């Protein structure tokens, strides 16, 4: 079976264009309707995630703010940013930054399904003696997820359909998540 190469489709320029068109379509749809732009922003929900991990010789800090717009009672669309810093003393240092676009579907009150595309720039420096090694590359993730939703909080898991153990910034294709939107 031939493996599909998504790299030409999901490069940084394509992802940026998708996110731009996605956000542009929201602003145009609100301008055309009778709602004022202020009413659009009143409906936008903000949230995201953050992470802190400290250990002996290890530090990881992650910030991932995002915003969603509820199109109707079942569907929400949004975008987010990602920033992460990891340092494993005497081994490596990694900086990650990127963007994401997400769609959420709530078929029933307590269930939330999601589809998310994430484009991240990874900059890693390995402290190998005598010469450090640097790896800089783009990493694309296409996630499908499901979760239990209670009010503004969703607890679930997502799976990266483009996971490659040799290139991914994450250690596994399946990842748990907690989403907050207010």
N, C-alpha and C. Protein backbone atom coordinates (compact mmCIF):
# COMPACT_ATOMS: atom_id res chain seq x y z
N UNK A 1 0.83 -1.17 0.00
CA UNK A 1 0.00 0.00 0.00
C UNK A 1 0.88 1.24 0.00
N UNK A 2 0.60 2.14 -0.91
CA UNK A 2 1.41 3.35 -1.03
C UNK A 2 1.03 4.36 0.04
N UNK A 3 2.02 4.93 0.70
CA UNK A 3 1.80 5.94 1.74
C UNK A 3 1.55 7.29 1.07
N UNK A 4 0.52 7.99 1.53
CA UNK A 4 0.19 9.30 0.99
C UNK A 4 1.11 10.34 1.61
N UNK A 5 1.69 11.18 0.79
CA UNK A 5 2.58 12.23 1.26
C UNK A 5 1.80 13.53 1.40
N UNK A 6 1.51 13.94 2.65
CA UNK A 6 0.77 15.17 2.91
C UNK A 6 1.68 16.38 2.97
N UNK A 7 2.98 16.21 2.92
CA UNK A 7 3.94 17.31 3.10
C UNK A 7 3.71 18.46 2.12
N UNK A 8 3.49 18.19 0.78
CA UNK A 8 3.27 19.32 -0.12
C UNK A 8 1.98 20.08 0.18
N UNK A 9 0.98 19.38 0.69
CA UNK A 9 -0.30 20.01 0.98
C UNK A 9 -0.25 20.78 2.29
N UNK A 10 0.38 20.20 3.29
CA UNK A 10 0.37 20.80 4.64
C UNK A 10 1.70 21.45 4.98
N UNK A 11 2.16 22.33 4.11
CA UNK A 11 3.37 23.08 4.43
C UNK A 11 2.98 24.38 5.11
N UNK A 12 3.92 25.11 5.67
CA UNK A 12 3.59 26.32 6.44
C UNK A 12 2.78 27.35 5.67
N UNK A 13 3.07 27.56 4.40
CA UNK A 13 2.34 28.55 3.62
C UNK A 13 0.89 28.14 3.42
N UNK A 14 0.66 26.85 3.18
CA UNK A 14 -0.71 26.36 3.01
C UNK A 14 -1.48 26.48 4.31
N UNK A 15 -0.86 26.10 5.42
CA UNK A 15 -1.53 26.18 6.71
C UNK A 15 -1.87 27.63 7.04
N UNK A 16 -0.91 28.55 6.85
CA UNK A 16 -1.16 29.96 7.11
C UNK A 16 -2.33 30.47 6.26
N UNK A 17 -2.36 30.10 5.00
CA UNK A 17 -3.44 30.51 4.11
C UNK A 17 -4.78 29.96 4.58
N UNK A 18 -4.80 28.68 5.02
CA UNK A 18 -6.04 28.08 5.51
C UNK A 18 -6.55 28.83 6.74
N UNK A 19 -5.67 29.11 7.68
CA UNK A 19 -6.08 29.81 8.90
C UNK A 19 -6.56 31.22 8.56
N UNK A 20 -5.86 31.91 7.66
CA UNK A 20 -6.26 33.26 7.26
C UNK A 20 -7.64 33.24 6.61
N UNK A 21 -7.88 32.34 5.66
CA UNK A 21 -9.18 32.25 5.00
C UNK A 21 -10.28 31.87 5.99
N UNK A 22 -9.95 31.00 6.91
CA UNK A 22 -10.87 30.56 7.95
C UNK A 22 -11.33 31.76 8.78
N UNK A 23 -10.38 32.56 9.27
CA UNK A 23 -10.71 33.73 10.08
C UNK A 23 -11.39 34.82 9.24
N UNK A 24 -10.97 34.99 7.98
CA UNK A 24 -11.56 35.96 7.09
C UNK A 24 -13.03 35.63 6.83
N UNK A 25 -13.34 34.35 6.67
CA UNK A 25 -14.72 33.96 6.41
C UNK A 25 -15.62 34.29 7.58
N UNK A 26 -15.11 34.19 8.82
CA UNK A 26 -15.90 34.57 9.99
C UNK A 26 -16.24 36.04 9.95
N UNK A 27 -15.23 36.88 9.69
CA UNK A 27 -15.48 38.32 9.72
C UNK A 27 -16.44 38.72 8.61
N UNK A 28 -16.34 38.12 7.43
CA UNK A 28 -17.26 38.44 6.34
C UNK A 28 -18.67 37.96 6.62
N UNK A 29 -18.82 36.77 7.17
CA UNK A 29 -20.16 36.26 7.44
C UNK A 29 -20.86 37.13 8.47
N UNK A 30 -20.14 37.67 9.41
CA UNK A 30 -20.75 38.53 10.42
C UNK A 30 -21.08 39.91 9.83
N UNK A 31 -20.28 40.42 8.93
CA UNK A 31 -20.55 41.72 8.33
C UNK A 31 -21.78 41.66 7.45
N UNK A 32 -21.96 40.56 6.73
CA UNK A 32 -23.09 40.40 5.84
C UNK A 32 -24.39 40.26 6.62
N UNK A 33 -24.35 39.55 7.75
CA UNK A 33 -25.55 39.36 8.55
C UNK A 33 -25.92 40.66 9.27
N UNK A 34 -27.05 40.65 9.96
CA UNK A 34 -27.50 41.84 10.67
C UNK A 34 -26.76 42.04 11.98
N UNK A 35 -25.98 41.07 12.42
CA UNK A 35 -25.21 41.22 13.66
C UNK A 35 -24.09 42.23 13.46
N UNK A 36 -23.83 42.99 14.50
CA UNK A 36 -22.70 43.91 14.44
C UNK A 36 -21.43 43.14 14.79
N UNK A 37 -20.26 43.66 14.40
CA UNK A 37 -19.01 42.98 14.76
C UNK A 37 -18.85 42.78 16.26
N UNK A 38 -19.39 43.71 17.07
CA UNK A 38 -19.30 43.56 18.52
C UNK A 38 -20.03 42.31 19.00
N UNK A 39 -21.17 41.97 18.37
CA UNK A 39 -21.90 40.77 18.74
C UNK A 39 -21.10 39.52 18.39
N UNK A 40 -20.35 39.57 17.31
CA UNK A 40 -19.47 38.45 16.96
C UNK A 40 -18.48 38.19 18.08
N UNK A 41 -17.79 39.24 18.53
CA UNK A 41 -16.77 39.09 19.56
C UNK A 41 -17.35 38.72 20.92
N UNK A 42 -18.60 39.06 21.16
CA UNK A 42 -19.25 38.65 22.41
C UNK A 42 -19.47 37.14 22.46
N UNK A 43 -19.59 36.51 21.29
CA UNK A 43 -19.82 35.07 21.24
C UNK A 43 -18.53 34.25 21.21
N UNK A 44 -17.42 34.89 20.90
CA UNK A 44 -16.13 34.17 20.84
C UNK A 44 -15.76 33.71 22.25
N UNK A 45 -15.34 32.45 22.35
CA UNK A 45 -14.90 31.90 23.62
C UNK A 45 -13.39 31.73 23.59
N UNK A 46 -12.73 32.11 24.68
CA UNK A 46 -11.28 32.02 24.77
C UNK A 46 -10.90 30.92 25.75
N UNK A 47 -9.78 30.30 25.49
CA UNK A 47 -9.31 29.23 26.37
C UNK A 47 -7.98 28.71 25.88
N UNK A 48 -7.80 27.41 26.00
CA UNK A 48 -6.56 26.79 25.56
C UNK A 48 -5.97 25.94 26.65
N UNK A 49 -4.67 25.83 26.63
CA UNK A 49 -4.00 24.99 27.61
C UNK A 49 -2.62 25.51 27.96
N UNK A 50 -2.09 24.98 29.04
CA UNK A 50 -0.72 25.30 29.44
C UNK A 50 -0.16 24.10 30.17
N UNK A 51 1.15 24.04 30.22
CA UNK A 51 1.78 22.94 30.92
C UNK A 51 3.10 23.36 31.53
N UNK A 52 3.38 22.82 32.69
CA UNK A 52 4.65 23.04 33.38
C UNK A 52 5.15 21.68 33.84
N UNK A 53 6.41 21.40 33.59
CA UNK A 53 6.99 20.13 34.00
C UNK A 53 8.42 20.41 34.45
N UNK A 54 8.69 20.14 35.71
CA UNK A 54 10.02 20.37 36.24
C UNK A 54 10.53 19.09 36.89
N UNK A 55 11.79 18.82 36.70
CA UNK A 55 12.42 17.66 37.32
C UNK A 55 13.90 17.93 37.47
N UNK A 56 14.61 16.96 37.95
CA UNK A 56 16.06 17.10 38.12
C UNK A 56 16.69 17.24 36.74
N UNK A 57 17.15 18.43 36.42
CA UNK A 57 17.79 18.67 35.13
C UNK A 57 16.84 18.76 33.96
N UNK A 58 15.52 18.87 34.20
CA UNK A 58 14.55 18.90 33.12
C UNK A 58 13.53 20.00 33.37
N UNK A 59 13.24 20.79 32.33
CA UNK A 59 12.24 21.85 32.41
C UNK A 59 11.43 21.85 31.12
N UNK A 60 10.12 21.94 31.25
CA UNK A 60 9.25 22.08 30.08
C UNK A 60 8.14 23.07 30.42
N UNK A 61 7.96 24.07 29.53
CA UNK A 61 6.93 25.08 29.70
C UNK A 61 6.17 25.19 28.38
N UNK A 62 4.84 25.07 28.43
CA UNK A 62 4.03 25.12 27.23
C UNK A 62 2.87 26.08 27.44
N UNK A 63 2.59 26.90 26.43
CA UNK A 63 1.44 27.80 26.41
C UNK A 63 0.73 27.62 25.08
N UNK A 64 -0.60 27.41 25.13
CA UNK A 64 -1.36 27.19 23.90
C UNK A 64 -2.72 27.89 23.99
N UNK A 65 -2.76 29.22 23.83
CA UNK A 65 -4.04 29.93 23.86
C UNK A 65 -4.82 29.68 22.57
N UNK A 66 -6.15 29.72 22.68
CA UNK A 66 -6.97 29.55 21.49
C UNK A 66 -8.31 30.24 21.67
N UNK A 67 -9.04 30.38 20.57
CA UNK A 67 -10.36 30.99 20.58
C UNK A 67 -11.26 30.20 19.64
N UNK A 68 -12.53 30.06 20.03
CA UNK A 68 -13.50 29.39 19.16
C UNK A 68 -14.74 30.26 19.02
N UNK A 69 -15.42 30.07 17.92
CA UNK A 69 -16.67 30.76 17.66
C UNK A 69 -17.76 29.71 17.47
N UNK A 70 -18.84 29.77 18.28
CA UNK A 70 -19.92 28.80 18.10
C UNK A 70 -20.79 29.18 16.89
N UNK A 71 -20.67 28.40 15.82
CA UNK A 71 -21.45 28.66 14.61
C UNK A 71 -22.93 28.41 14.89
N UNK A 72 -23.21 27.34 15.62
CA UNK A 72 -24.56 27.02 16.08
C UNK A 72 -24.43 26.17 17.33
N UNK A 73 -25.50 25.55 17.81
CA UNK A 73 -25.42 24.79 19.06
C UNK A 73 -24.60 23.51 18.93
N UNK A 74 -24.29 23.08 17.71
CA UNK A 74 -23.56 21.83 17.50
C UNK A 74 -22.10 22.02 17.05
N UNK A 75 -21.81 23.10 16.35
CA UNK A 75 -20.51 23.29 15.70
C UNK A 75 -19.84 24.57 16.19
N UNK A 76 -18.54 24.46 16.49
CA UNK A 76 -17.70 25.62 16.80
C UNK A 76 -16.43 25.51 15.97
N UNK A 77 -15.91 26.66 15.54
CA UNK A 77 -14.68 26.71 14.77
C UNK A 77 -13.72 27.68 15.45
N UNK A 78 -12.43 27.39 15.37
CA UNK A 78 -11.49 28.28 16.04
C UNK A 78 -10.06 28.14 15.56
N UNK A 79 -9.20 28.92 16.20
CA UNK A 79 -7.78 28.92 15.88
C UNK A 79 -6.99 29.10 17.17
N UNK A 80 -5.72 28.70 17.12
CA UNK A 80 -4.90 28.82 18.31
C UNK A 80 -3.44 29.00 17.99
N UNK A 81 -2.68 29.31 19.02
CA UNK A 81 -1.23 29.45 18.94
C UNK A 81 -0.60 28.41 19.85
N UNK A 82 0.65 28.08 19.59
CA UNK A 82 1.37 27.10 20.39
C UNK A 82 2.78 27.60 20.63
N UNK A 83 3.23 27.53 21.86
CA UNK A 83 4.60 27.87 22.20
C UNK A 83 5.10 26.95 23.29
N UNK A 84 6.29 26.42 23.12
CA UNK A 84 6.82 25.47 24.10
C UNK A 84 8.34 25.59 24.18
N UNK A 85 8.86 25.42 25.39
CA UNK A 85 10.30 25.41 25.62
C UNK A 85 10.63 24.19 26.48
N UNK A 86 11.59 23.40 26.03
CA UNK A 86 12.02 22.21 26.79
C UNK A 86 13.53 22.22 26.89
N UNK A 87 14.03 21.92 28.10
CA UNK A 87 15.47 21.85 28.32
C UNK A 87 15.77 20.62 29.17
N UNK A 88 16.56 19.72 28.61
CA UNK A 88 17.05 18.57 29.35
C UNK A 88 18.55 18.81 29.53
N UNK A 89 18.92 19.13 30.77
CA UNK A 89 20.28 19.57 31.08
C UNK A 89 21.33 18.61 30.51
N UNK A 90 22.31 19.18 29.83
CA UNK A 90 23.43 18.47 29.23
C UNK A 90 23.03 17.51 28.12
N UNK A 91 21.79 17.64 27.60
CA UNK A 91 21.39 16.76 26.50
C UNK A 91 20.81 17.55 25.33
N UNK A 92 19.69 18.28 25.55
CA UNK A 92 19.10 19.04 24.45
C UNK A 92 18.26 20.20 24.97
N UNK A 93 18.00 21.15 24.05
CA UNK A 93 17.09 22.27 24.28
C UNK A 93 16.21 22.38 23.04
N UNK A 94 14.89 22.51 23.25
CA UNK A 94 13.95 22.59 22.14
C UNK A 94 13.00 23.75 22.32
N UNK A 95 12.79 24.50 21.25
CA UNK A 95 11.77 25.54 21.20
C UNK A 95 10.78 25.18 20.11
N UNK A 96 9.49 25.30 20.40
CA UNK A 96 8.44 24.97 19.43
C UNK A 96 7.46 26.13 19.40
N UNK A 97 7.06 26.55 18.20
CA UNK A 97 6.01 27.55 18.06
C UNK A 97 5.19 27.21 16.84
N UNK A 98 3.90 27.57 16.87
CA UNK A 98 3.07 27.23 15.73
C UNK A 98 1.65 27.74 15.86
N UNK A 99 0.82 27.30 14.91
CA UNK A 99 -0.59 27.68 14.84
C UNK A 99 -1.43 26.42 14.67
N UNK A 100 -2.72 26.57 14.99
CA UNK A 100 -3.65 25.46 14.78
C UNK A 100 -5.01 26.01 14.41
N UNK A 101 -5.78 25.18 13.73
CA UNK A 101 -7.18 25.46 13.42
C UNK A 101 -7.98 24.26 13.92
N UNK A 102 -9.12 24.52 14.55
CA UNK A 102 -9.89 23.44 15.16
C UNK A 102 -11.37 23.58 14.83
N UNK A 103 -12.01 22.44 14.64
CA UNK A 103 -13.47 22.40 14.52
C UNK A 103 -13.98 21.43 15.58
N UNK A 104 -15.02 21.85 16.28
CA UNK A 104 -15.61 21.05 17.35
C UNK A 104 -17.05 20.74 16.97
N UNK A 105 -17.46 19.50 17.20
CA UNK A 105 -18.83 19.07 16.92
C UNK A 105 -19.39 18.42 18.17
N UNK A 106 -20.54 18.89 18.61
CA UNK A 106 -21.20 18.38 19.80
C UNK A 106 -22.52 17.71 19.40
N UNK A 107 -22.48 16.42 19.02
CA UNK A 107 -23.70 15.76 18.56
C UNK A 107 -24.76 15.63 19.65
N UNK A 108 -24.32 15.45 20.89
CA UNK A 108 -25.20 15.46 22.05
C UNK A 108 -24.51 16.27 23.14
N UNK A 109 -25.23 16.64 24.16
CA UNK A 109 -24.74 17.59 25.15
C UNK A 109 -23.39 17.23 25.78
N UNK A 110 -23.14 16.01 26.11
CA UNK A 110 -21.94 15.61 26.86
C UNK A 110 -20.80 15.09 25.99
N UNK A 111 -20.99 14.99 24.67
CA UNK A 111 -19.98 14.43 23.78
C UNK A 111 -19.45 15.52 22.85
N UNK A 112 -18.13 15.60 22.74
CA UNK A 112 -17.51 16.55 21.82
C UNK A 112 -16.52 15.82 20.91
N UNK A 113 -16.69 15.97 19.61
CA UNK A 113 -15.77 15.42 18.61
C UNK A 113 -14.97 16.59 18.04
N UNK A 114 -13.72 16.32 17.67
CA UNK A 114 -12.90 17.42 17.16
C UNK A 114 -12.05 16.97 15.97
N UNK A 115 -11.73 17.96 15.15
CA UNK A 115 -10.79 17.80 14.04
C UNK A 115 -9.88 19.02 14.12
N UNK A 116 -8.57 18.77 14.16
CA UNK A 116 -7.62 19.86 14.37
C UNK A 116 -6.40 19.66 13.48
N UNK A 117 -5.94 20.75 12.89
CA UNK A 117 -4.68 20.74 12.15
C UNK A 117 -3.72 21.68 12.88
N UNK A 118 -2.49 21.19 13.06
CA UNK A 118 -1.49 21.97 13.79
C UNK A 118 -0.20 22.01 12.97
N UNK A 119 0.34 23.20 12.81
CA UNK A 119 1.61 23.38 12.11
C UNK A 119 2.59 23.99 13.09
N UNK A 120 3.67 23.27 13.39
CA UNK A 120 4.62 23.74 14.40
C UNK A 120 6.04 23.76 13.85
N UNK A 121 6.78 24.77 14.23
CA UNK A 121 8.20 24.88 13.90
C UNK A 121 8.97 24.35 15.11
N UNK A 122 9.88 23.42 14.86
CA UNK A 122 10.66 22.80 15.91
C UNK A 122 12.12 23.18 15.73
N UNK A 123 12.73 23.71 16.79
CA UNK A 123 14.15 24.08 16.78
C UNK A 123 14.81 23.37 17.96
N UNK A 124 15.65 22.38 17.67
CA UNK A 124 16.30 21.59 18.72
C UNK A 124 17.81 21.67 18.58
N UNK A 125 18.47 21.80 19.73
CA UNK A 125 19.93 21.75 19.74
C UNK A 125 20.36 20.68 20.74
N UNK A 126 21.07 19.69 20.22
CA UNK A 126 21.61 18.62 21.05
C UNK A 126 23.02 19.03 21.49
N UNK A 127 23.31 18.92 22.78
CA UNK A 127 24.62 19.30 23.32
C UNK A 127 25.58 18.12 23.22
N UNK A 128 25.95 17.75 22.01
CA UNK A 128 26.89 16.65 21.81
C UNK A 128 28.31 17.20 21.82
N UNK A 129 29.16 16.52 22.51
CA UNK A 129 30.55 16.96 22.62
C UNK A 129 31.37 16.23 21.57
N UNK A 130 32.18 16.88 20.81
CA UNK A 130 32.62 18.27 20.92
C UNK A 130 31.76 19.24 20.14
N UNK A 131 30.90 18.76 19.21
CA UNK A 131 30.13 19.67 18.37
C UNK A 131 28.63 19.51 18.60
N UNK A 132 27.93 20.59 18.98
CA UNK A 132 26.47 20.53 19.12
C UNK A 132 25.82 20.26 17.76
N UNK A 133 24.69 19.58 17.77
CA UNK A 133 23.93 19.28 16.56
C UNK A 133 22.60 20.02 16.63
N UNK A 134 22.23 20.71 15.56
CA UNK A 134 20.99 21.47 15.51
C UNK A 134 20.05 20.83 14.49
N UNK A 135 18.77 20.67 14.88
CA UNK A 135 17.73 20.19 13.98
C UNK A 135 16.59 21.20 13.99
N UNK A 136 16.27 21.76 12.83
CA UNK A 136 15.16 22.70 12.68
C UNK A 136 14.25 22.17 11.58
N UNK A 137 12.95 22.03 11.87
CA UNK A 137 12.03 21.49 10.88
C UNK A 137 10.60 21.87 11.23
N UNK A 138 9.70 21.70 10.24
CA UNK A 138 8.28 21.90 10.44
C UNK A 138 7.63 20.57 10.73
N UNK A 139 6.66 20.57 11.64
CA UNK A 139 5.94 19.35 12.00
C UNK A 139 4.44 19.62 11.85
N UNK A 140 3.76 18.78 11.09
CA UNK A 140 2.33 18.93 10.86
C UNK A 140 1.58 17.81 11.57
N UNK A 141 0.53 18.18 12.27
CA UNK A 141 -0.34 17.20 12.92
C UNK A 141 -1.77 17.37 12.45
N UNK A 142 -2.44 16.26 12.18
CA UNK A 142 -3.86 16.25 11.84
C UNK A 142 -4.54 15.34 12.85
N UNK A 143 -5.32 15.92 13.75
CA UNK A 143 -5.85 15.19 14.89
C UNK A 143 -7.35 15.01 14.79
N UNK A 144 -7.81 13.81 15.12
CA UNK A 144 -9.23 13.55 15.35
C UNK A 144 -9.35 13.23 16.83
N UNK A 145 -10.39 13.75 17.45
CA UNK A 145 -10.51 13.56 18.90
C UNK A 145 -11.94 13.38 19.34
N UNK A 146 -12.09 12.90 20.56
CA UNK A 146 -13.39 12.74 21.19
C UNK A 146 -13.22 12.98 22.68
N UNK A 147 -14.26 13.56 23.28
CA UNK A 147 -14.16 13.84 24.71
C UNK A 147 -15.51 13.95 25.38
N UNK A 148 -15.45 13.92 26.70
CA UNK A 148 -16.61 14.12 27.55
C UNK A 148 -16.65 15.59 27.92
N UNK A 149 -17.77 16.25 27.64
CA UNK A 149 -17.90 17.69 27.88
C UNK A 149 -18.85 17.95 29.04
N UNK A 150 -18.39 18.80 29.96
CA UNK A 150 -19.22 19.22 31.08
C UNK A 150 -19.07 20.73 31.23
N UNK A 151 -20.05 21.46 30.76
CA UNK A 151 -19.97 22.93 30.78
C UNK A 151 -18.89 23.43 29.84
N UNK A 152 -17.93 24.17 30.39
CA UNK A 152 -16.86 24.75 29.58
C UNK A 152 -15.61 23.88 29.51
N UNK A 153 -15.67 22.69 30.08
CA UNK A 153 -14.50 21.81 30.16
C UNK A 153 -14.76 20.51 29.40
N UNK A 154 -13.77 20.09 28.61
CA UNK A 154 -13.85 18.81 27.91
C UNK A 154 -12.62 17.99 28.24
N UNK A 155 -12.83 16.73 28.60
CA UNK A 155 -11.75 15.79 28.90
C UNK A 155 -11.83 14.68 27.88
N UNK A 156 -10.71 14.43 27.16
CA UNK A 156 -10.75 13.42 26.12
C UNK A 156 -9.38 13.03 25.62
N UNK A 157 -9.36 12.51 24.39
CA UNK A 157 -8.11 12.11 23.74
C UNK A 157 -8.20 12.46 22.26
N UNK A 158 -7.02 12.69 21.68
CA UNK A 158 -6.95 12.97 20.24
C UNK A 158 -5.87 12.09 19.64
N UNK A 159 -6.04 11.79 18.34
CA UNK A 159 -5.11 10.89 17.64
C UNK A 159 -4.56 11.61 16.42
N UNK A 160 -3.23 11.62 16.26
CA UNK A 160 -2.57 12.28 15.14
C UNK A 160 -2.53 11.33 13.94
N UNK A 161 -3.31 11.63 12.91
CA UNK A 161 -3.36 10.79 11.72
C UNK A 161 -2.06 10.86 10.90
N UNK A 162 -1.24 11.88 11.12
CA UNK A 162 0.02 12.05 10.38
C UNK A 162 1.24 11.70 11.23
N UNK A 163 1.02 10.98 12.32
CA UNK A 163 2.11 10.68 13.26
C UNK A 163 3.22 9.89 12.58
N UNK A 164 4.45 10.33 12.81
CA UNK A 164 5.66 9.64 12.34
C UNK A 164 6.62 9.63 13.53
N UNK A 165 6.88 8.46 14.08
CA UNK A 165 7.69 8.38 15.30
C UNK A 165 9.08 9.00 15.16
N UNK A 166 9.59 9.09 13.93
CA UNK A 166 10.92 9.67 13.71
C UNK A 166 10.89 11.19 13.58
N UNK A 167 9.73 11.77 13.28
CA UNK A 167 9.67 13.21 13.03
C UNK A 167 8.75 13.97 13.98
N UNK A 168 7.85 13.29 14.66
CA UNK A 168 6.86 13.97 15.48
C UNK A 168 7.50 14.63 16.70
N UNK A 169 6.92 15.75 17.12
CA UNK A 169 7.40 16.41 18.33
C UNK A 169 6.81 15.76 19.58
N UNK A 170 5.82 14.89 19.39
CA UNK A 170 5.21 14.18 20.50
C UNK A 170 5.65 12.72 20.46
N UNK A 171 5.63 12.06 21.60
CA UNK A 171 6.14 10.70 21.69
C UNK A 171 5.14 9.64 21.23
N UNK A 172 3.86 10.01 21.11
CA UNK A 172 2.84 9.03 20.75
C UNK A 172 1.77 9.71 19.89
N UNK A 173 1.09 8.94 19.05
CA UNK A 173 0.03 9.49 18.22
C UNK A 173 -1.23 9.77 19.02
N UNK A 174 -1.45 9.03 20.09
CA UNK A 174 -2.63 9.21 20.93
C UNK A 174 -2.27 10.05 22.14
N UNK A 175 -3.01 11.15 22.34
CA UNK A 175 -2.70 12.06 23.44
C UNK A 175 -3.96 12.46 24.18
N UNK A 176 -3.93 12.42 25.50
CA UNK A 176 -5.07 12.93 26.27
C UNK A 176 -5.07 14.45 26.24
N UNK A 177 -6.24 15.05 26.48
CA UNK A 177 -6.34 16.51 26.54
C UNK A 177 -7.40 16.94 27.53
N UNK A 178 -7.27 18.18 27.98
CA UNK A 178 -8.28 18.88 28.75
C UNK A 178 -8.44 20.23 28.07
N UNK A 179 -9.66 20.56 27.62
CA UNK A 179 -9.93 21.85 26.97
C UNK A 179 -10.80 22.70 27.87
N UNK A 180 -10.45 23.99 27.96
CA UNK A 180 -11.24 24.97 28.69
C UNK A 180 -11.59 26.11 27.75
N UNK A 181 -12.86 26.48 27.68
CA UNK A 181 -13.28 27.67 26.91
C UNK A 181 -14.29 28.44 27.73
N UNK A 182 -14.06 29.76 27.84
CA UNK A 182 -14.95 30.63 28.61
C UNK A 182 -15.41 31.80 27.79
